[in-house]
Amino acid sequence: ERAIARHEVREIEQRHTADGPRQDAALDEEDDVVIIYNRVPKTASTSFTNIAYDLCAKNKYHVLHINTTKNNPVMSLQDQVRFVKNVTSWKEMKPGFYHGHVSYLDFAKFGVKKKPIYINVIRDPIERLVSYYYFLRFGDDYRPGLRRRKQGDKKTFDECVAAGGSDCAPEKLWLQIPFFCGHSSECWNVGSRWALEQAKYNLINEYFLVGVTEELEDFIMLLEAALPRFFRGATELYRTGKKSHLRKTTEKKLPTKETIAKLQQSEIWKMENEFYEFALEQFQFVRAHAVREKDGELYILAQNFFYEKIYPKSN
């Protein structure tokens, strides 16, 4: 896979070189944009990413998957430097949409002049864990023939929780907070209040928009309105395209009320749920100021500000 990826990169770079001396040319401001979607596992990230792949040729941008060894969301210090350098100076890949299971990385620490635009989607923490639990055992309809790590284990999520299994332990809920918290050691200390507060801070101050799985269409609609350079046509594609809903975890069984109640007794669930509710409230706040509803349909508001009293007056 890495050899194929390197070959594809060389082809693109050679193509740009043949088209002209772009390496030394300054990019237009509209093209000098990078979006990073540091996707959390089992939050409908594949459905959303497929839209970016479907639109990239039409809207003229590049999509790159960040493939880390063993899906490790924490990069080594040297890889952080390499990644920041690639993202900020790789002109052939701009405008670019990077996506992968990588925790938030603060580009400002590396002295870059222009930071990327971060976006993300999160999900109800118990629903996300249940989906991941069955995904490891049965896979999904995206690549049904692929053998999964826990394939052959027929134990239901309810049975796992009742038996105190490790795959369904409350500690497994601790994922969305560290993904937003970042590369600090404390982010990955399960149950850290500091990590929760840092995740909240980053969500508000470092992310352009964070949606929720349960309201993915509205998230896409807002992105199309705000960032049409990348997402023009995304809403219609999501509503009508076959790829939008293609990835569904196989053999998933909803947990009982007793199982949910048991998990909700955990302090870890309380913190992850607090973060989810915080993200949901923020997303709904953004949406309320961007759209209106008419006849059961949402529509984007037109520009609602203008300039006046412009001085000095021109002759």
C-alpha atoms as a PDB file:
ATOM      1  CA  GLU A   1       0.000   0.000   0.000  1.00  0.00           C
ATOM      2  CA  ARG A   2       2.842   2.390   0.832  1.00  0.00           C
ATOM      3  CA  ALA A   3       4.604   1.634  -2.457  1.00  0.00           C
ATOM      4  CA  ILE A   4       1.403   2.319  -4.383  1.00  0.00           C
ATOM      5  CA  ALA A   5       0.882   5.563  -2.450  1.00  0.00           C
ATOM      6  CA  ARG A   6       4.436   6.744  -3.194  1.00  0.00           C
ATOM      7  CA  HIS A   7       3.924   5.943  -6.871  1.00  0.00           C
ATOM      8  CA  GLU A   8       0.686   7.930  -6.958  1.00  0.00           C
ATOM      9  CA  VAL A   9       2.395  10.908  -5.292  1.00  0.00           C
ATOM     10  CA  ARG A  10       5.252  10.834  -7.819  1.00  0.00           C
ATOM     11  CA  GLU A  11       2.769  10.750 -10.690  1.00  0.00           C
ATOM     12  CA  ILE A  12       0.920  13.798  -9.354  1.00  0.00           C
ATOM     13  CA  GLU A  13       4.128  15.736  -8.740  1.00  0.00           C
ATOM     14  CA  GLN A  14       5.412  14.910 -12.235  1.00  0.00           C
ATOM     15  CA  ARG A  15       2.090  15.986 -13.721  1.00  0.00           C
ATOM     16  CA  HIS A  16       2.252  19.336 -11.935  1.00  0.00           C
ATOM     17  CA  THR A  17       5.875  19.807 -13.020  1.00  0.00           C
ATOM     18  CA  ALA A  18       4.872  19.159 -16.618  1.00  0.00           C
ATOM     19  CA  ASP A  19       2.030  21.650 -16.361  1.00  0.00           C
ATOM     20  CA  GLY A  20       4.323  24.416 -15.180  1.00  0.00           C
ATOM     21  CA  PRO A  21       6.743  25.596 -12.469  1.00  0.00           C
ATOM     22  CA  ARG A  22       4.138  25.520  -9.709  1.00  0.00           C
ATOM     23  CA  GLN A  23       6.617  24.647  -6.964  1.00  0.00           C
ATOM     24  CA  ASP A  24       7.961  28.200  -6.812  1.00  0.00           C
ATOM     25  CA  ALA A  25       4.724  29.956  -7.668  1.00  0.00           C
ATOM     26  CA  ALA A  26       2.537  31.453  -4.966  1.00  0.00           C
ATOM     27  CA  LEU A  27      -0.843  29.819  -4.623  1.00  0.00           C
ATOM     28  CA  ASP A  28      -4.039  31.775  -4.930  1.00  0.00           C
ATOM     29  CA  GLU A  29      -5.551  32.420  -1.517  1.00  0.00           C
ATOM     30  CA  GLU A  30      -8.556  30.269  -2.421  1.00  0.00           C
ATOM     31  CA  ASP A  31      -6.266  27.334  -3.237  1.00  0.00           C
ATOM     32  CA  ASP A  32      -3.937  27.733  -0.256  1.00  0.00           C
ATOM     33  CA  VAL A  33      -6.320  25.859   2.031  1.00  0.00           C
ATOM     34  CA  VAL A  34      -5.988  22.567   3.890  1.00  0.00           C
ATOM     35  CA  ILE A  35      -8.761  20.806   5.804  1.00  0.00           C
ATOM     36  CA  ILE A  36      -7.929  18.120   8.363  1.00  0.00           C
ATOM     37  CA  TYR A  37     -10.648  15.687   9.367  1.00  0.00           C
ATOM     38  CA  ASN A  38      -9.125  13.704  12.244  1.00  0.00           C
ATOM     39  CA  ARG A  39     -11.942  11.198  12.183  1.00  0.00           C
ATOM     40  CA  VAL A  40     -13.031   9.293  15.268  1.00  0.00           C
ATOM     41  CA  PRO A  41     -13.681   5.572  14.555  1.00  0.00           C
ATOM     42  CA  LYS A  42     -17.325   4.516  14.091  1.00  0.00           C
ATOM     43  CA  THR A  43     -18.857   7.972  13.837  1.00  0.00           C
ATOM     44  CA  ALA A  44     -20.019   7.701  10.172  1.00  0.00           C
ATOM     45  CA  SER A  45     -16.591   8.953   9.104  1.00  0.00           C
ATOM     46  CA  THR A  46     -16.418   6.675   6.056  1.00  0.00           C
ATOM     47  CA  SER A  47     -19.791   7.898   4.799  1.00  0.00           C
ATOM     48  CA  PHE A  48     -18.646  11.510   5.083  1.00  0.00           C
ATOM     49  CA  THR A  49     -15.181  10.879   3.625  1.00  0.00           C
ATOM     50  CA  ASN A  50     -16.691   9.171   0.573  1.00  0.00           C
ATOM     51  CA  ILE A  51     -18.432  12.449  -0.238  1.00  0.00           C
ATOM     52  CA  ALA A  52     -15.073  14.227  -0.245  1.00  0.00           C
ATOM     53  CA  TYR A  53     -13.677  11.595  -2.625  1.00  0.00           C
ATOM     54  CA  ASP A  54     -16.698  11.904  -4.916  1.00  0.00           C
ATOM     55  CA  LEU A  55     -16.393  15.701  -5.095  1.00  0.00           C
ATOM     56  CA  CYS A  56     -12.613  16.180  -5.283  1.00  0.00           C
ATOM     57  CA  ALA A  57     -12.271  15.935  -9.079  1.00  0.00           C
ATOM     58  CA  LYS A  58     -15.264  18.168  -9.747  1.00  0.00           C
ATOM     59  CA  ASN A  59     -14.322  20.787  -7.143  1.00  0.00           C
ATOM     60  CA  LYS A  60     -10.575  20.510  -7.917  1.00  0.00           C
ATOM     61  CA  TYR A  61      -8.887  19.550  -4.652  1.00  0.00           C
ATOM     62  CA  HIS A  62      -6.880  16.583  -3.381  1.00  0.00           C
ATOM     63  CA  VAL A  63      -7.959  14.006  -0.783  1.00  0.00           C
ATOM     64  CA  LEU A  64      -5.290  12.182   1.224  1.00  0.00           C
ATOM     65  CA  HIS A  65      -5.738   9.418   3.781  1.00  0.00           C
ATOM     66  CA  ILE A  66      -3.404   9.599   6.784  1.00  0.00           C
ATOM     67  CA  ASN A  67      -2.564   5.925   7.352  1.00  0.00           C
ATOM     68  CA  THR A  68      -0.737   5.433  10.658  1.00  0.00           C
ATOM     69  CA  THR A  69       0.874   2.149  11.722  1.00  0.00           C
ATOM     70  CA  LYS A  70      -1.663   0.014  13.623  1.00  0.00           C
ATOM     71  CA  ASN A  71      -4.046   3.008  13.482  1.00  0.00           C
ATOM     72  CA  ASN A  72      -2.106   4.650  16.315  1.00  0.00           C
ATOM     73  CA  PRO A  73      -3.703   8.086  16.830  1.00  0.00           C
ATOM     74  CA  VAL A  74      -0.571   9.502  18.515  1.00  0.00           C
ATOM     75  CA  MET A  75       2.324  10.448  16.248  1.00  0.00           C
ATOM     76  CA  SER A  76       5.970  10.409  17.303  1.00  0.00           C
ATOM     77  CA  LEU A  77       7.569  13.820  17.686  1.00  0.00           C
ATOM     78  CA  GLN A  78       9.550  13.374  14.475  1.00  0.00           C
ATOM     79  CA  ASP A  79       6.428  12.324  12.576  1.00  0.00           C
ATOM     80  CA  GLN A  80       4.600  15.368  13.913  1.00  0.00           C
ATOM     81  CA  VAL A  81       7.308  17.567  12.374  1.00  0.00           C
ATOM     82  CA  ARG A  82       7.139  15.672   9.065  1.00  0.00           C
ATOM     83  CA  PHE A  83       3.356  15.848   8.961  1.00  0.00           C
ATOM     84  CA  VAL A  84       3.211  19.580   9.718  1.00  0.00           C
ATOM     85  CA  LYS A  85       5.835  20.246   7.042  1.00  0.00           C
ATOM     86  CA  ASN A  86       3.940  18.158   4.468  1.00  0.00           C
ATOM     87  CA  VAL A  87       0.590  19.759   5.152  1.00  0.00           C
ATOM     88  CA  THR A  88       1.831  23.344   5.139  1.00  0.00           C
ATOM     89  CA  SER A  89       4.416  23.288   2.302  1.00  0.00           C
ATOM     90  CA  TRP A  90       3.204  20.569  -0.094  1.00  0.00           C
ATOM     91  CA  LYS A  91       1.834  22.882  -2.765  1.00  0.00           C
ATOM     92  CA  GLU A  92       1.031  20.066  -5.195  1.00  0.00           C
ATOM     93  CA  MET A  93      -1.565  18.783  -2.717  1.00  0.00           C
ATOM     94  CA  LYS A  94      -3.312  22.118  -2.173  1.00  0.00           C
ATOM     95  CA  PRO A  95      -6.154  22.646  -1.789  1.00  0.00           C
ATOM     96  CA  GLY A  96      -6.138  19.472   0.296  1.00  0.00           C
ATOM     97  CA  PHE A  97      -8.474  17.398   2.422  1.00  0.00           C
ATOM     98  CA  TYR A  98      -6.586  15.138   4.841  1.00  0.00           C
ATOM     99  CA  HIS A  99      -8.413  12.483   6.828  1.00  0.00           C
ATOM    100  CA  GLY A 100      -7.342   9.777   9.257  1.00  0.00           C
ATOM    101  CA  HIS A 101      -7.628   8.398  12.771  1.00  0.00           C
ATOM    102  CA  VAL A 102      -5.170  10.884  14.283  1.00  0.00           C
ATOM    103  CA  SER A 103      -5.628  12.919  17.446  1.00  0.00           C
ATOM    104  CA  TYR A 104      -5.639  16.721  17.240  1.00  0.00           C
ATOM    105  CA  LEU A 105      -2.248  18.285  16.540  1.00  0.00           C
ATOM    106  CA  ASP A 106      -1.599  21.936  17.354  1.00  0.00           C
ATOM    107  CA  PHE A 107       0.147  23.400  14.294  1.00  0.00           C
ATOM    108  CA  ALA A 108       0.876  26.670  16.123  1.00  0.00           C
ATOM    109  CA  LYS A 109       3.500  24.870  18.243  1.00  0.00           C
ATOM    110  CA  PHE A 110       5.552  24.352  15.084  1.00  0.00           C
ATOM    111  CA  GLY A 111       5.632  28.026  14.080  1.00  0.00           C
ATOM    112  CA  VAL A 112       3.580  27.728  10.909  1.00  0.00           C
ATOM    113  CA  LYS A 113       2.191  30.898   9.336  1.00  0.00           C
ATOM    114  CA  LYS A 114      -1.153  29.427   8.279  1.00  0.00           C
ATOM    115  CA  LYS A 115      -2.901  26.684  10.220  1.00  0.00           C
ATOM    116  CA  PRO A 116      -5.190  24.098   8.622  1.00  0.00           C
ATOM    117  CA  ILE A 117      -8.949  24.055   9.103  1.00  0.00           C
ATOM    118  CA  TYR A 118      -9.992  21.282  11.496  1.00  0.00           C
ATOM    119  CA  ILE A 119     -13.404  19.604  11.272  1.00  0.00           C
ATOM    120  CA  ASN A 120     -14.804  16.496  12.936  1.00  0.00           C
ATOM    121  CA  VAL A 121     -17.902  14.453  13.801  1.00  0.00           C
ATOM    122  CA  ILE A 122     -18.661  12.759  17.123  1.00  0.00           C
ATOM    123  CA  ARG A 123     -21.314  10.322  18.289  1.00  0.00           C
ATOM    124  CA  ASP A 124     -23.217   9.281  21.391  1.00  0.00           C
ATOM    125  CA  PRO A 125     -20.428   7.451  23.286  1.00  0.00           C
ATOM    126  CA  ILE A 126     -22.352   4.235  24.055  1.00  0.00           C
ATOM    127  CA  GLU A 127     -23.722   3.976  20.505  1.00  0.00           C
ATOM    128  CA  ARG A 128     -20.199   4.458  19.160  1.00  0.00           C
ATOM    129  CA  LEU A 129     -18.774   1.732  21.427  1.00  0.00           C
ATOM    130  CA  VAL A 130     -21.545  -0.740  20.539  1.00  0.00           C
ATOM    131  CA  SER A 131     -20.960  -0.131  16.837  1.00  0.00           C
ATOM    132  CA  TYR A 132     -17.203  -0.633  17.231  1.00  0.00           C
ATOM    133  CA  TYR A 133     -17.707  -3.794  19.320  1.00  0.00           C
ATOM    134  CA  TYR A 134     -19.734  -5.508  16.578  1.00  0.00           C
ATOM    135  CA  PHE A 135     -17.550  -4.070  13.813  1.00  0.00           C
ATOM    136  CA  LEU A 136     -14.510  -5.912  15.249  1.00  0.00           C
ATOM    137  CA  ARG A 137     -16.477  -9.169  15.177  1.00  0.00           C
ATOM    138  CA  PHE A 138     -18.590  -9.011  12.039  1.00  0.00           C
ATOM    139  CA  GLY A 139     -17.205  -6.160   9.946  1.00  0.00           C
ATOM    140  CA  ASP A 140     -19.560  -4.148   7.784  1.00  0.00           C
ATOM    141  CA  ASP A 141     -21.022  -4.013   4.293  1.00  0.00           C
ATOM    142  CA  TYR A 142     -18.166  -1.816   3.017  1.00  0.00           C
ATOM    143  CA  ARG A 143     -15.604  -4.640   2.847  1.00  0.00           C
ATOM    144  CA  PRO A 144     -17.609  -7.737   3.814  1.00  0.00           C
ATOM    145  CA  GLY A 145     -14.855 -10.200   2.914  1.00  0.00           C
ATOM    146  CA  LEU A 146     -12.214  -8.684   5.184  1.00  0.00           C
ATOM    147  CA  ARG A 147     -11.398 -10.740   8.273  1.00  0.00           C
ATOM    148  CA  ARG A 148     -11.796  -8.696  11.463  1.00  0.00           C
ATOM    149  CA  ARG A 149      -9.702  -8.910  14.620  1.00  0.00           C
ATOM    150  CA  LYS A 150     -12.416 -10.480  16.798  1.00  0.00           C
ATOM    151  CA  GLN A 151     -14.057 -12.554  14.085  1.00  0.00           C
ATOM    152  CA  GLY A 152     -15.575 -15.754  15.476  1.00  0.00           C
ATOM    153  CA  ASP A 153     -16.456 -14.229  18.847  1.00  0.00           C
ATOM    154  CA  LYS A 154     -20.262 -14.532  19.006  1.00  0.00           C
ATOM    155  CA  LYS A 155     -20.701 -12.943  22.440  1.00  0.00           C
ATOM    156  CA  THR A 156     -23.220 -10.099  22.361  1.00  0.00           C
ATOM    157  CA  PHE A 157     -22.456  -6.680  23.808  1.00  0.00           C
ATOM    158  CA  ASP A 158     -24.949  -7.336  26.616  1.00  0.00           C
ATOM    159  CA  GLU A 159     -23.184 -10.600  27.490  1.00  0.00           C
ATOM    160  CA  CYS A 160     -19.823  -8.861  27.410  1.00  0.00           C
ATOM    161  CA  VAL A 161     -20.946  -6.143  29.841  1.00  0.00           C
ATOM    162  CA  ALA A 162     -22.597  -8.681  32.141  1.00  0.00           C
ATOM    163  CA  ALA A 163     -19.372 -10.705  32.257  1.00  0.00           C
ATOM    164  CA  GLY A 164     -17.179  -7.637  32.790  1.00  0.00           C
ATOM    165  CA  GLY A 165     -15.318  -8.148  29.508  1.00  0.00           C
ATOM    166  CA  SER A 166     -12.450  -5.893  28.469  1.00  0.00           C
ATOM    167  CA  ASP A 167     -13.843  -5.059  24.999  1.00  0.00           C
ATOM    168  CA  CYS A 168     -16.922  -3.407  26.488  1.00  0.00           C
ATOM    169  CA  ALA A 169     -15.368  -1.941  29.641  1.00  0.00           C
ATOM    170  CA  PRO A 170     -16.083   1.722  30.437  1.00  0.00           C
ATOM    171  CA  GLU A 171     -12.422   2.490  29.683  1.00  0.00           C
ATOM    172  CA  LYS A 172     -13.178   1.741  26.023  1.00  0.00           C
ATOM    173  CA  LEU A 173     -15.498   4.753  25.994  1.00  0.00           C
ATOM    174  CA  TRP A 174     -12.487   7.036  26.489  1.00  0.00           C
ATOM    175  CA  LEU A 175     -11.763   7.955  22.876  1.00  0.00           C
ATOM    176  CA  GLN A 176     -13.530  11.084  21.662  1.00  0.00           C
ATOM    177  CA  ILE A 177     -12.078  13.215  24.463  1.00  0.00           C
ATOM    178  CA  PRO A 178      -8.435  12.270  23.745  1.00  0.00           C
ATOM    179  CA  PHE A 179      -8.957  12.653  19.974  1.00  0.00           C
ATOM    180  CA  PHE A 180      -9.917  16.284  20.561  1.00  0.00           C
ATOM    181  CA  CYS A 181      -7.489  16.831  23.435  1.00  0.00           C
ATOM    182  CA  GLY A 182      -4.430  15.971  21.369  1.00  0.00           C
ATOM    183  CA  HIS A 183      -0.896  14.683  21.766  1.00  0.00           C
ATOM    184  CA  SER A 184      -0.315  15.529  25.429  1.00  0.00           C
ATOM    185  CA  SER A 185       0.245  12.654  27.832  1.00  0.00           C
ATOM    186  CA  GLU A 186      -2.625  13.722  30.077  1.00  0.00           C
ATOM    187  CA  CYS A 187      -5.065  13.471  27.153  1.00  0.00           C
ATOM    188  CA  TRP A 188      -4.753   9.689  27.226  1.00  0.00           C
ATOM    189  CA  ASN A 189      -5.073   9.265  30.990  1.00  0.00           C
ATOM    190  CA  VAL A 190      -8.518   7.698  31.238  1.00  0.00           C
ATOM    191  CA  GLY A 191     -10.890   9.841  33.289  1.00  0.00           C
ATOM    192  CA  SER A 192      -8.724  12.975  33.285  1.00  0.00           C
ATOM    193  CA  ARG A 193     -10.768  16.102  33.980  1.00  0.00           C
ATOM    194  CA  TRP A 194      -7.953  18.203  32.475  1.00  0.00           C
ATOM    195  CA  ALA A 195      -8.246  16.232  29.223  1.00  0.00           C
ATOM    196  CA  LEU A 196     -11.998  16.870  29.102  1.00  0.00           C
ATOM    197  CA  GLU A 197     -11.545  20.621  29.573  1.00  0.00           C
ATOM    198  CA  GLN A 198      -8.761  20.735  26.975  1.00  0.00           C
ATOM    199  CA  ALA A 199     -10.964  18.838  24.508  1.00  0.00           C
ATOM    200  CA  LYS A 200     -13.742  21.374  25.061  1.00  0.00           C
ATOM    201  CA  TYR A 201     -11.288  24.252  24.589  1.00  0.00           C
ATOM    202  CA  ASN A 202      -9.966  22.808  21.334  1.00  0.00           C
ATOM    203  CA  LEU A 203     -13.459  22.112  20.012  1.00  0.00           C
ATOM    204  CA  ILE A 204     -14.437  25.759  20.478  1.00  0.00           C
ATOM    205  CA  ASN A 205     -11.163  27.447  19.556  1.00  0.00           C
ATOM    206  CA  GLU A 206      -9.396  25.151  17.098  1.00  0.00           C
ATOM    207  CA  TYR A 207     -12.189  23.456  15.135  1.00  0.00           C
ATOM    208  CA  PHE A 208     -14.095  25.173  12.360  1.00  0.00           C
ATOM    209  CA  LEU A 209     -17.115  22.900  12.792  1.00  0.00           C
ATOM    210  CA  VAL A 210     -17.870  19.721  14.730  1.00  0.00           C
ATOM    211  CA  GLY A 211     -21.000  17.785  13.837  1.00  0.00           C
ATOM    212  CA  VAL A 212     -22.735  14.775  15.312  1.00  0.00           C
ATOM    213  CA  THR A 213     -23.414  11.453  13.604  1.00  0.00           C
ATOM    214  CA  GLU A 214     -27.121  11.668  14.360  1.00  0.00           C
ATOM    215  CA  GLU A 215     -27.409  14.928  12.387  1.00  0.00           C
ATOM    216  CA  LEU A 216     -24.823  14.311   9.666  1.00  0.00           C
ATOM    217  CA  GLU A 217     -26.877  15.820   6.836  1.00  0.00           C
ATOM    218  CA  ASP A 218     -27.135  19.149   8.662  1.00  0.00           C
ATOM    219  CA  PHE A 219     -23.359  19.078   9.255  1.00  0.00           C
ATOM    220  CA  ILE A 220     -22.774  18.576   5.529  1.00  0.00           C
ATOM    221  CA  MET A 221     -25.235  21.340   4.663  1.00  0.00           C
ATOM    222  CA  LEU A 222     -23.402  23.822   6.895  1.00  0.00           C
ATOM    223  CA  LEU A 223     -20.029  22.872   5.420  1.00  0.00           C
ATOM    224  CA  GLU A 224     -21.329  23.371   1.889  1.00  0.00           C
ATOM    225  CA  ALA A 225     -22.641  26.818   2.782  1.00  0.00           C
ATOM    226  CA  ALA A 226     -19.466  27.919   4.572  1.00  0.00           C
ATOM    227  CA  LEU A 227     -16.765  26.149   2.507  1.00  0.00           C
ATOM    228  CA  PRO A 228     -18.173  25.760  -1.030  1.00  0.00           C
ATOM    229  CA  ARG A 229     -14.647  25.469  -2.474  1.00  0.00           C
ATOM    230  CA  PHE A 230     -14.601  21.917  -1.074  1.00  0.00           C
ATOM    231  CA  PHE A 231     -18.211  20.978  -0.439  1.00  0.00           C
ATOM    232  CA  ARG A 232     -20.203  22.421  -3.337  1.00  0.00           C
ATOM    233  CA  GLY A 233     -22.781  19.746  -4.191  1.00  0.00           C
ATOM    234  CA  ALA A 234     -22.219  17.738  -1.003  1.00  0.00           C
ATOM    235  CA  THR A 235     -25.741  17.983   0.411  1.00  0.00           C
ATOM    236  CA  GLU A 236     -27.403  16.743  -2.749  1.00  0.00           C
ATOM    237  CA  LEU A 237     -24.823  13.986  -3.089  1.00  0.00           C
ATOM    238  CA  TYR A 238     -25.459  12.845   0.479  1.00  0.00           C
ATOM    239  CA  ARG A 239     -29.207  12.760  -0.066  1.00  0.00           C
ATOM    240  CA  THR A 240     -29.113  10.906  -3.376  1.00  0.00           C
ATOM    241  CA  GLY A 241     -25.749   9.146  -3.605  1.00  0.00           C
ATOM    242  CA  LYS A 242     -25.433   5.434  -2.998  1.00  0.00           C
ATOM    243  CA  LYS A 243     -22.167   5.798  -1.094  1.00  0.00           C
ATOM    244  CA  SER A 244     -23.551   8.012   1.633  1.00  0.00           C
ATOM    245  CA  HIS A 245     -25.166   5.202   3.580  1.00  0.00           C
ATOM    246  CA  LEU A 246     -23.099   2.256   2.415  1.00  0.00           C
ATOM    247  CA  ARG A 247     -21.186   1.429   5.589  1.00  0.00           C
ATOM    248  CA  LYS A 248     -23.322  -0.339   8.170  1.00  0.00           C
ATOM    249  CA  THR A 249     -21.953  -2.599  10.891  1.00  0.00           C
ATOM    250  CA  THR A 250     -23.170  -6.169  10.393  1.00  0.00           C
ATOM    251  CA  GLU A 251     -24.981  -8.208  13.067  1.00  0.00           C
ATOM    252  CA  LYS A 252     -25.272  -5.256  15.454  1.00  0.00           C
ATOM    253  CA  LYS A 253     -27.691  -5.815  18.347  1.00  0.00           C
ATOM    254  CA  LEU A 254     -28.891  -2.873  20.398  1.00  0.00           C
ATOM    255  CA  PRO A 255     -27.991  -3.107  24.096  1.00  0.00           C
ATOM    256  CA  THR A 256     -30.681  -3.505  26.732  1.00  0.00           C
ATOM    257  CA  LYS A 257     -31.666  -0.746  29.148  1.00  0.00           C
ATOM    258  CA  GLU A 258     -29.907  -2.669  31.910  1.00  0.00           C
ATOM    259  CA  THR A 259     -26.637  -2.713  29.958  1.00  0.00           C
ATOM    260  CA  ILE A 260     -26.868   1.000  29.206  1.00  0.00           C
ATOM    261  CA  ALA A 261     -27.675   1.799  32.842  1.00  0.00           C
ATOM    262  CA  LYS A 262     -24.642  -0.183  33.999  1.00  0.00           C
ATOM    263  CA  LEU A 263     -22.293   1.719  31.680  1.00  0.00           C
ATOM    264  CA  GLN A 264     -23.838   5.038  32.678  1.00  0.00           C
ATOM    265  CA  GLN A 265     -22.802   4.463  36.288  1.00  0.00           C
ATOM    266  CA  SER A 266     -19.194   4.898  35.211  1.00  0.00           C
ATOM    267  CA  GLU A 267     -17.422   8.226  35.729  1.00  0.00           C
ATOM    268  CA  ILE A 268     -15.775   7.686  32.347  1.00  0.00           C
ATOM    269  CA  TRP A 269     -19.164   7.562  30.599  1.00  0.00           C
ATOM    270  CA  LYS A 270     -20.261  10.690  32.476  1.00  0.00           C
ATOM    271  CA  MET A 271     -17.228  12.596  31.183  1.00  0.00           C
ATOM    272  CA  GLU A 272     -17.472  11.332  27.595  1.00  0.00           C
ATOM    273  CA  ASN A 273     -21.191  12.070  27.603  1.00  0.00           C
ATOM    274  CA  GLU A 274     -20.545  15.548  29.002  1.00  0.00           C
ATOM    275  CA  PHE A 275     -18.206  16.191  26.079  1.00  0.00           C
ATOM    276  CA  TYR A 276     -20.730  14.812  23.597  1.00  0.00           C
ATOM    277  CA  GLU A 277     -23.523  17.003  25.025  1.00  0.00           C
ATOM    278  CA  PHE A 278     -21.164  19.999  24.916  1.00  0.00           C
ATOM    279  CA  ALA A 279     -20.394  19.340  21.235  1.00  0.00           C
ATOM    280  CA  LEU A 280     -24.062  18.781  20.411  1.00  0.00           C
ATOM    281  CA  GLU A 281     -25.112  22.055  22.043  1.00  0.00           C
ATOM    282  CA  GLN A 282     -22.417  23.961  20.165  1.00  0.00           C
ATOM    283  CA  PHE A 283     -23.403  22.381  16.842  1.00  0.00           C
ATOM    284  CA  GLN A 284     -27.072  23.181  17.388  1.00  0.00           C
ATOM    285  CA  PHE A 285     -26.126  26.757  18.296  1.00  0.00           C
ATOM    286  CA  VAL A 286     -24.198  27.157  15.030  1.00  0.00           C
ATOM    287  CA  ARG A 287     -27.016  25.586  13.049  1.00  0.00           C
ATOM    288  CA  ALA A 288     -29.677  27.786  14.660  1.00  0.00           C
ATOM    289  CA  HIS A 289     -27.825  30.899  13.454  1.00  0.00           C
ATOM    290  CA  ALA A 290     -27.232  29.546   9.944  1.00  0.00           C
ATOM    291  CA  VAL A 291     -30.468  27.912   8.793  1.00  0.00           C
ATOM    292  CA  ARG A 292     -34.222  28.297   8.938  1.00  0.00           C
ATOM    293  CA  GLU A 293     -36.982  25.724   8.541  1.00  0.00           C
ATOM    294  CA  LYS A 294     -39.821  26.056   6.037  1.00  0.00           C
ATOM    295  CA  ASP A 295     -42.403  23.379   5.211  1.00  0.00           C
ATOM    296  CA  GLY A 296     -40.330  20.794   7.052  1.00  0.00           C
ATOM    297  CA  GLU A 297     -37.167  21.581   5.053  1.00  0.00           C
ATOM    298  CA  LEU A 298     -34.043  23.405   6.202  1.00  0.00           C
ATOM    299  CA  TYR A 299     -32.555  26.139   4.067  1.00  0.00           C
ATOM    300  CA  ILE A 300     -29.382  28.193   4.462  1.00  0.00           C
ATOM    301  CA  LEU A 301     -29.729  31.857   5.330  1.00  0.00           C
ATOM    302  CA  ALA A 302     -28.458  34.398   2.832  1.00  0.00           C
ATOM    303  CA  GLN A 303     -25.802  36.919   3.822  1.00  0.00           C
ATOM    304  CA  ASN A 304     -27.195  38.859   6.755  1.00  0.00           C
ATOM    305  CA  PHE A 305     -24.692  41.690   7.101  1.00  0.00           C
ATOM    306  CA  PHE A 306     -23.597  44.594   4.923  1.00  0.00           C
ATOM    307  CA  TYR A 307     -21.298  47.610   5.041  1.00  0.00           C
ATOM    308  CA  GLU A 308     -22.351  51.244   5.341  1.00  0.00           C
ATOM    309  CA  LYS A 309     -21.012  54.660   6.357  1.00  0.00           C
ATOM    310  CA  ILE A 310     -17.904  54.070   4.283  1.00  0.00           C
ATOM    311  CA  TYR A 311     -15.478  57.001   4.521  1.00  0.00           C
ATOM    312  CA  PRO A 312     -13.812  58.912   3.051  1.00  0.00           C
ATOM    313  CA  LYS A 313     -16.323  59.344   0.295  1.00  0.00           C
ATOM    314  CA  SER A 314     -14.981  58.740  -3.184  1.00  0.00           C
ATOM    315  CA  ASN A 315     -15.402  61.525  -5.767  1.00  0.00           C
END
